[in-house]
Protein backbone atom coordinates (compact mmCIF):
# COMPACT_ATOMS: atom_id res chain seq x y z
CA MET A 1 92.16 80.26 82.97
CA SER A 2 95.70 79.09 83.57
CA ASN A 3 98.44 80.59 81.45
CA PRO A 4 101.44 78.33 81.94
CA GLY A 5 103.41 79.96 79.19
CA ILE A 6 104.00 83.14 81.14
CA ILE A 7 105.83 82.35 84.37
CA GLU A 8 104.85 78.95 85.61
CA ALA A 9 107.89 76.95 84.63
CA PRO A 10 110.59 79.06 86.32
CA LEU A 11 108.51 79.72 89.41
CA THR A 12 107.64 76.19 90.40
CA GLU A 13 110.98 76.13 92.18
CA THR A 14 111.08 77.41 95.73
CA ALA A 15 113.40 80.34 96.12
CA ALA A 16 116.63 79.34 97.79
CA PRO A 17 117.38 80.75 101.22
CA ALA A 18 119.33 83.97 101.22
CA SER A 19 122.36 82.22 102.63
CA GLY A 20 122.47 79.47 100.02
CA PRO A 21 122.96 79.38 96.24
CA ALA A 22 120.21 81.53 94.73
CA ALA A 23 121.53 82.06 91.22
CA PRO A 24 119.11 79.81 89.32
CA ALA A 25 116.00 81.19 91.06
CA HIS A 26 117.26 84.74 90.68
CA LYS A 27 118.02 84.22 87.01
CA ALA A 28 114.54 82.79 86.49
CA ALA A 29 112.99 85.81 88.21
CA GLN A 30 114.99 88.11 85.97
CA ASP A 31 114.09 86.24 82.78
CA ILE A 32 110.31 86.04 83.20
CA PRO A 33 108.32 88.31 80.86
CA ALA A 34 106.28 91.01 82.57
CA ASN A 35 102.62 90.06 82.93
CA TRP A 36 101.15 93.58 82.97
CA SER A 37 97.59 92.34 82.44
CA GLY A 38 97.91 90.35 85.66
CA ILE A 39 99.30 93.42 87.46
CA ALA A 40 96.41 95.52 86.12
CA SER A 41 93.91 92.94 87.40
CA LEU A 42 95.46 93.23 90.86
CA ALA A 43 95.23 97.04 90.63
CA LEU A 44 91.53 96.71 89.80
CA GLY A 45 91.08 94.37 92.75
CA VAL A 46 92.75 96.89 95.07
CA PHE A 47 90.54 99.64 93.66
CA SER A 48 87.43 97.52 94.34
CA LEU A 49 88.50 96.76 97.91
CA VAL A 50 89.46 100.31 98.86
CA THR A 51 86.33 101.74 97.24
CA ALA A 52 84.16 99.41 99.33
CA GLU A 53 86.23 100.29 102.42
CA PHE A 54 85.81 104.05 101.94
CA LEU A 55 82.10 104.15 100.99
CA PRO A 56 80.59 104.27 104.52
CA ALA A 57 82.44 107.52 105.30
CA SER A 58 80.47 109.40 102.64
CA LEU A 59 77.18 107.58 103.36
CA LEU A 60 77.24 107.41 107.15
CA THR A 61 74.22 109.58 107.98
CA ALA A 62 72.10 107.95 105.27
CA ILE A 63 73.03 104.46 106.52
CA ALA A 64 72.28 105.43 110.13
CA THR A 65 68.88 106.90 109.19
CA ASP A 66 67.85 103.93 107.04
CA LEU A 67 68.93 101.30 109.60
CA HIS A 68 67.56 103.33 112.57
CA VAL A 69 70.84 103.57 114.47
CA SER A 70 73.06 106.43 115.61
CA ASP A 71 75.85 107.85 113.48
CA GLY A 72 78.36 106.44 115.96
CA ALA A 73 76.89 102.95 115.70
CA ALA A 74 76.92 103.13 111.89
CA GLY A 75 80.55 104.20 112.07
CA GLN A 76 81.44 100.80 113.49
CA ALA A 77 81.07 99.52 109.93
CA VAL A 78 84.46 101.13 109.33
CA THR A 79 85.96 99.90 112.61
CA ALA A 80 84.92 96.30 111.95
CA THR A 81 86.71 96.25 108.58
CA ALA A 82 89.94 97.68 110.00
CA ILE A 83 90.12 95.31 112.97
CA VAL A 84 89.35 92.19 110.93
CA GLY A 85 91.77 93.33 108.22
CA ALA A 86 94.60 93.54 110.76
CA VAL A 87 93.95 89.96 111.89
CA ALA A 88 93.35 88.59 108.39
CA ALA A 89 96.53 90.02 106.88
CA PRO A 90 98.98 87.60 108.55
CA SER A 91 96.39 84.81 108.85
CA ILE A 92 95.18 84.36 105.24
CA PRO A 93 98.60 83.45 103.74
CA LEU A 94 99.05 80.97 106.60
CA LEU A 95 95.60 79.36 106.26
CA THR A 96 95.86 79.09 102.46
CA ARG A 97 99.52 78.12 102.22
CA ASN A 98 98.77 74.92 100.24
CA ILE A 99 96.34 76.52 97.76
CA ASP A 100 97.25 77.90 94.34
CA ARG A 101 97.67 81.67 94.74
CA LYS A 102 95.44 82.45 91.75
CA ARG A 103 92.64 80.51 93.41
CA VAL A 104 93.19 82.39 96.67
CA VAL A 105 92.99 85.77 94.88
CA LEU A 106 89.76 84.71 93.19
CA MET A 107 88.29 83.53 96.50
CA LEU A 108 89.15 86.86 98.16
CA THR A 109 87.61 88.86 95.31
CA LEU A 110 84.52 86.63 95.48
CA LEU A 111 84.35 87.38 99.21
CA LEU A 112 84.42 91.09 98.33
CA LEU A 113 81.50 90.55 95.94
CA VAL A 114 79.50 88.73 98.63
CA SER A 115 80.24 91.57 101.05
CA ASN A 116 78.83 94.14 98.62
CA VAL A 117 75.73 92.03 97.98
CA LEU A 118 75.12 91.70 101.73
CA ALA A 119 75.55 95.47 102.18
CA VAL A 120 73.02 96.16 99.41
CA THR A 121 70.43 93.87 100.99
CA ALA A 122 71.22 94.50 104.69
CA PRO A 123 67.99 94.98 106.65
CA SER A 124 69.80 95.85 109.89
CA LEU A 125 73.13 96.99 111.32
CA PRO A 126 74.24 93.46 112.39
CA VAL A 127 73.91 92.23 108.80
CA LEU A 128 75.83 95.25 107.54
CA LEU A 129 78.57 94.51 110.09
CA VAL A 130 78.77 90.92 108.82
CA ALA A 131 79.27 92.35 105.32
CA ARG A 132 82.04 94.60 106.61
CA VAL A 133 83.72 91.70 108.43
CA LEU A 134 83.83 89.77 105.14
CA LEU A 135 85.32 92.86 103.50
CA GLY A 136 87.99 92.98 106.22
CA VAL A 137 88.98 89.37 105.49
CA ALA A 138 89.20 90.10 101.75
CA LEU A 139 91.06 93.35 102.30
CA GLY A 140 93.64 91.96 104.72
CA GLY A 141 94.23 88.80 102.68
CA PHE A 142 94.54 90.61 99.36
CA TRP A 143 96.92 93.25 100.68
CA SER A 144 99.13 90.69 102.40
CA MET A 145 99.64 88.83 99.11
CA ALA A 146 99.84 91.76 96.68
CA ALA A 147 103.60 92.28 96.80
CA ALA A 148 104.38 88.54 96.68
CA LEU A 149 102.13 88.15 93.62
CA ALA A 150 103.70 91.14 91.88
CA MET A 151 107.11 89.63 92.53
CA ARG A 152 106.03 86.53 90.57
CA LEU A 153 104.41 88.39 87.68
CA VAL A 154 107.26 90.72 86.66
CA PRO A 155 111.09 90.61 86.58
CA ASP A 156 112.96 91.93 89.60
CA HIS A 157 113.88 95.28 88.07
CA LEU A 158 110.22 96.06 87.36
CA PHE A 159 108.92 95.13 90.81
CA ALA A 160 108.69 98.68 92.20
CA ARG A 161 106.97 99.85 89.01
CA ALA A 162 104.48 96.98 89.25
CA MET A 163 103.71 97.81 92.90
CA SER A 164 103.25 101.46 91.94
CA LEU A 165 100.67 100.41 89.33
CA ILE A 166 98.86 98.15 91.82
CA LEU A 167 98.79 100.94 94.40
CA THR A 168 97.31 103.28 91.80
CA GLY A 169 94.08 101.48 92.65
CA VAL A 170 94.29 103.02 96.12
CA SER A 171 94.87 106.52 94.74
CA VAL A 172 92.00 106.31 92.26
CA ALA A 173 89.67 104.94 94.94
CA THR A 174 90.73 107.72 97.33
CA VAL A 175 89.85 110.34 94.71
CA CYS A 176 86.62 108.72 93.46
CA ALA A 177 85.01 106.64 96.21
CA ALA A 178 83.79 109.32 98.62
CA PRO A 179 82.47 111.92 96.13
CA ILE A 180 80.88 109.36 93.78
CA GLY A 181 79.43 107.43 96.72
CA ALA A 182 77.93 110.62 98.16
CA TYR A 183 76.53 111.62 94.74
CA MET A 184 74.94 108.21 94.08
CA GLY A 185 73.62 108.03 97.62
CA ASN A 186 71.95 111.40 97.23
CA LEU A 187 70.31 110.40 93.93
CA TRP A 188 69.35 106.75 94.47
CA GLY A 189 70.00 105.95 98.12
CA TRP A 190 73.09 104.64 99.91
CA ARG A 191 72.61 101.06 98.71
CA SER A 192 73.13 102.12 95.08
CA ALA A 193 76.78 102.93 95.85
CA PHE A 194 77.32 99.36 97.03
CA VAL A 195 75.60 98.07 93.89
CA ALA A 196 78.20 99.95 91.84
CA ALA A 197 80.99 98.59 94.06
CA GLY A 198 79.63 95.08 93.52
CA VAL A 199 79.69 95.52 89.74
CA VAL A 200 83.32 96.66 89.89
CA SER A 201 84.27 93.66 92.05
CA LEU A 202 82.57 91.32 89.57
CA VAL A 203 84.57 92.84 86.71
CA ALA A 204 87.76 92.48 88.77
CA PHE A 205 86.97 88.80 89.38
CA ALA A 206 86.49 88.16 85.64
CA ILE A 207 89.73 89.89 84.64
CA GLN A 208 91.74 88.14 87.36
CA TRP A 209 90.36 84.79 86.18
CA ILE A 210 91.68 85.51 82.69
CA ALA A 211 94.88 87.46 83.35
CA ILE A 212 96.53 85.74 86.32
CA PRO A 213 98.29 82.46 85.54
CA ARG A 214 98.34 79.45 87.82
CA LEU A 215 100.71 80.21 90.70
CA PRO A 216 101.53 77.15 92.83
CA PRO A 217 102.23 77.87 96.53
CA LYS A 218 105.79 78.97 97.04
CA ASP A 219 106.41 80.57 100.46
CA HIS A 220 104.56 78.09 102.75
CA PRO A 221 104.09 80.57 105.62
CA SER A 222 103.48 79.29 109.14
CA LEU A 223 103.49 80.57 112.70
CA LYS A 224 107.12 79.50 112.90
CA VAL A 225 107.89 81.51 109.77
CA LEU A 226 106.15 84.59 111.19
CA ALA A 227 108.14 84.25 114.41
CA GLU A 228 111.33 83.82 112.39
CA LEU A 229 110.52 86.93 110.36
CA LEU A 230 110.01 88.96 113.51
CA GLY A 231 113.41 87.74 114.64
CA ARG A 232 115.07 89.44 111.67
CA LYS A 233 116.39 92.90 112.45
CA ASP A 234 115.65 94.16 108.93
CA VAL A 235 111.97 93.19 109.22
CA ARG A 236 111.61 94.65 112.71
CA VAL A 237 113.10 97.95 111.62
CA ALA A 238 110.78 98.13 108.61
CA LEU A 239 107.72 97.44 110.78
CA LEU A 240 108.79 100.02 113.37
CA ALA A 241 109.28 102.58 110.62
CA VAL A 242 105.76 101.79 109.35
CA LEU A 243 104.29 102.28 112.83
CA LEU A 244 105.95 105.67 113.24
CA VAL A 245 105.46 107.10 109.76
CA VAL A 246 101.96 105.79 109.07
CA SER A 247 100.61 106.61 112.54
CA GLY A 248 101.97 110.13 112.08
CA HIS A 249 100.27 110.46 108.71
CA PHE A 250 96.89 109.26 109.95
CA ALA A 251 97.08 111.38 113.10
CA GLY A 252 97.48 114.39 110.85
CA PHE A 253 95.04 113.44 108.13
CA THR A 254 92.26 112.03 110.33
CA TYR A 255 91.89 115.43 112.03
CA ILE A 256 92.62 117.62 109.03
CA ARG A 257 88.96 118.64 108.65
CA PRO A 258 88.73 120.14 112.17
CA LEU A 259 91.89 122.09 111.37
CA MET A 260 90.39 123.48 108.16
CA GLU A 261 87.15 124.36 109.96
CA GLN A 262 88.48 125.71 113.26
CA ILE A 263 91.91 127.12 112.37
CA THR A 264 91.69 127.99 108.67
CA HIS A 265 87.91 128.71 108.73
CA MET A 266 87.26 127.27 105.28
CA SER A 267 83.78 126.81 103.85
CA VAL A 268 82.42 123.30 103.22
CA ALA A 269 82.87 123.76 99.46
CA THR A 270 86.50 124.82 99.92
CA ILE A 271 87.18 121.89 102.25
CA SER A 272 85.79 119.49 99.64
CA ALA A 273 87.99 121.05 96.96
CA VAL A 274 91.11 120.82 99.15
CA LEU A 275 90.39 117.17 99.97
CA LEU A 276 89.98 116.47 96.26
CA GLY A 277 93.37 118.13 95.77
CA TYR A 278 94.77 115.78 98.42
CA GLY A 279 93.43 112.78 96.50
CA VAL A 280 94.75 114.00 93.16
CA GLY A 281 98.12 114.72 94.79
CA GLY A 282 98.17 111.15 96.12
CA PHE A 283 97.45 109.80 92.63
CA PHE A 284 100.52 111.49 91.14
CA GLY A 285 102.58 110.92 94.28
CA ASN A 286 102.08 107.20 93.86
CA PHE A 287 103.83 107.28 90.48
CA ALA A 288 106.58 109.54 91.80
CA GLY A 289 107.07 107.22 94.77
CA GLY A 290 107.30 104.23 92.45
CA PHE A 291 109.86 106.03 90.29
CA ILE A 292 112.08 106.78 93.31
CA ALA A 293 111.55 103.33 94.86
CA GLU A 294 112.84 101.68 91.67
CA ARG A 295 116.15 103.33 92.49
CA SER A 296 115.96 103.23 96.31
CA GLU A 297 112.97 102.46 98.53
CA ARG A 298 114.90 104.09 101.37
CA TYR A 299 115.02 107.41 99.53
CA ALA A 300 111.35 107.11 98.56
CA ILE A 301 110.32 106.84 102.22
CA VAL A 302 112.80 109.46 103.42
CA SER A 303 111.77 111.99 100.76
CA GLY A 304 108.06 111.48 101.48
CA GLY A 305 108.60 111.64 105.25
CA THR A 306 110.76 114.76 105.05
CA LEU A 307 108.18 116.57 102.92
CA ILE A 308 105.27 115.65 105.20
CA ALA A 309 107.23 116.72 108.29
CA LEU A 310 107.84 120.13 106.67
CA LEU A 311 104.18 120.39 105.66
CA ALA A 312 103.00 119.46 109.18
CA ALA A 313 105.31 122.16 110.57
CA SER A 314 103.89 124.71 108.10
CA LEU A 315 100.33 123.85 109.19
CA TRP A 316 101.35 124.19 112.83
CA VAL A 317 102.92 127.60 112.24
CA ALA A 318 100.71 129.06 109.49
CA GLY A 319 97.63 126.83 109.32
CA SER A 320 95.35 129.86 109.63
CA SER A 321 96.25 130.88 106.08
CA PRO A 322 93.84 129.29 103.54
CA LEU A 323 96.55 129.36 100.86
CA VAL A 324 99.17 127.69 103.07
CA ALA A 325 96.68 125.07 104.26
CA ALA A 326 95.43 124.26 100.74
CA ILE A 327 98.94 123.89 99.32
CA ALA A 328 100.20 121.92 102.34
CA ILE A 329 97.31 119.45 102.31
CA THR A 330 97.55 118.88 98.55
CA LEU A 331 101.31 118.29 98.77
CA TRP A 332 100.71 116.05 101.80
CA GLY A 333 98.69 113.73 99.58
CA PHE A 334 101.48 113.76 97.01
CA ALA A 335 104.15 112.95 99.62
CA PHE A 336 102.15 110.11 101.17
CA GLY A 337 102.15 108.36 97.78
CA ALA A 338 105.78 107.36 98.38
CA PHE A 339 105.02 105.33 101.53
CA PRO A 340 102.97 102.32 100.35
CA VAL A 341 105.24 101.40 97.45
CA GLY A 342 108.37 102.22 99.47
CA PHE A 343 107.39 100.04 102.43
CA GLN A 344 106.04 97.21 100.26
CA THR A 345 109.32 97.12 98.34
CA TRP A 346 111.38 97.31 101.55
CA ILE A 347 109.59 94.45 103.31
CA VAL A 348 109.74 92.12 100.30
CA ARG A 349 113.44 92.79 99.78
CA ALA A 350 114.01 92.22 103.50
CA ALA A 351 112.34 88.79 103.31
CA PRO A 352 112.35 87.57 99.70
CA ASP A 353 112.13 83.95 100.89
CA HIS A 354 108.87 84.60 102.79
CA ALA A 355 107.26 87.45 100.89
CA GLU A 356 103.66 86.55 101.77
CA GLY A 357 104.32 86.25 105.50
CA ALA A 358 106.25 89.53 105.49
CA GLY A 359 103.46 91.17 103.51
CA GLY A 360 100.94 90.04 106.10
CA LEU A 361 103.01 91.54 108.91
CA LEU A 362 103.33 94.78 106.96
CA VAL A 363 99.56 95.08 106.46
CA ALA A 364 98.94 94.31 110.13
CA ALA A 365 101.46 97.02 111.06
CA PHE A 366 99.67 99.47 108.75
CA GLN A 367 96.32 98.74 110.42
CA VAL A 368 97.80 99.12 113.92
CA ALA A 369 99.46 102.36 112.83
CA ILE A 370 96.15 103.71 111.48
CA ALA A 371 94.41 102.97 114.78
CA SER A 372 97.24 104.31 116.98
CA GLY A 373 97.56 107.44 114.86
CA ALA A 374 93.85 108.17 115.13
CA ILE A 375 93.90 107.57 118.91
CA GLY A 376 97.12 109.50 119.56
CA GLY A 377 96.10 112.37 117.31
CA GLY A 378 92.69 112.45 118.99
CA VAL A 379 94.25 112.75 122.46
CA LEU A 380 96.35 115.72 121.32
CA VAL A 381 93.41 117.34 119.52
CA ASP A 382 91.33 117.07 122.70
CA HIS A 383 94.11 118.67 124.76
CA VAL A 384 95.64 121.31 122.47
CA GLY A 385 93.01 121.80 119.78
CA ALA A 386 92.90 121.11 116.06
CA LEU A 387 96.66 121.64 115.67
CA GLY A 388 97.27 118.49 117.72
CA GLY A 389 97.09 116.34 114.57
CA PRO A 390 99.95 118.12 112.74
CA ILE A 391 102.01 118.18 115.95
CA PHE A 392 101.67 114.40 116.38
CA ALA A 393 102.45 113.93 112.69
CA LEU A 394 105.56 116.10 112.87
CA ILE A 395 107.02 114.17 115.80
CA ALA A 396 106.15 110.62 114.68
CA ILE A 397 107.05 111.06 111.00
CA THR A 398 110.34 112.79 111.85
CA LEU A 399 111.31 109.84 114.07
CA GLY A 400 110.27 107.31 111.42
CA THR A 401 112.11 109.18 108.68
CA LEU A 402 115.32 109.37 110.72
CA LEU A 403 115.01 105.64 111.51
CA THR A 404 114.66 104.86 107.80
CA LEU A 405 117.53 107.15 106.87
CA ARG A 406 119.80 105.42 109.37
CA TYR A 407 118.73 101.78 109.04
CA GLY A 408 116.81 101.57 105.75
CA PRO A 409 118.05 99.48 102.80
CA ARG A 410 121.24 100.83 101.27
CA GLY A 411 122.25 100.93 97.65
CA GLY A 412 120.03 100.96 94.57
CA GLY A 413 117.70 98.25 95.84
CA ALA A 414 118.74 94.62 96.06
CA PRO A 415 117.16 92.17 93.65
CA VAL A 416 113.92 90.75 95.01
CA GLY A 417 115.20 87.24 94.58
CA GLY A 418 118.48 87.87 96.37
CA ASN A 419 119.77 89.45 99.56
CA ALA A 420 118.76 92.90 100.70
CA HIS A 421 121.68 94.93 102.06
CA PHE A 422 121.10 96.91 105.23
């Protein structure tokens, strides 16, 4: 239902360009009451999306056996989601620019629900891939709009905290999705995990319907806007930093299991415990990252990047020690928690007048970084062994951290509705 009493009146105005008078819009953004129920509904939506995204990893062999395909073919269920998500992220805000944002969120969550239903009933791999394509559209579209929606649901000074809460959905899904999916799949078959994911997405849809007020279109993204955004130095620097830092992270983390098996020689039970520690570390790191980003998104990214670079170096030098590896991987999860909220805050402050378009570019950059990190890390792993992942991570994250330190946003964080100072 619409809730015009919360923020509708002040936000029907289009934010003034950064170069023009922005005082009234900025004052309105500061005066709106925080809609934490709306923020929580977005967090639940993120949790639903990421849970559905992660499920195939823990169910891959069961899916392959049931659908009579190879493990590699079944793995394309993950690839399809990532590729479509990268395309959907900048496209969905553009294609829906004249539609109320609440309605768009509900449509994307409904698409997630349809994806889960298709996965539950899929008789073959092509049908499952269709389900994963729909998930990619929902995932890319939802992520691209998350920061812009948060900006309209809370005052400026609470934006980083709101993004931290939304991103908690990622941390909880990271901790829960794989182990719970594997457990349910073992008891009741792999489809049961997607039934549970479908129930969660249905609950998310209901809460979003109630908690999110009507949000008339505000940014009006277009291809011209995206081109204009890419012409801004601040946006380009943020996207380059994402490519370096996130590709480094995923190069290290994607191949962390071979390192634990071949270098550290951990048992399967120990590996599972360490990966759980990584997820729990990420959960708390998300809150720590939000706390730092409220004061400076630049310091949030720099602190997380510096810590991961040190941890990657420790794995390179002493990865054969089970204690060093366990501590380093757990802290790695904690440090990574600073990146999503830090980069989301940075990109929105760099383009407050086109937050949705900038958000779409950010998500696309994340997806490209994930793919390039996995490819680059894989090349090094093939040539130098399991330590290739940490080596790639050390180099790429160090470069991205130095770039952020030099060119990242200065000061305590500019108001979302005003200029960002670089």
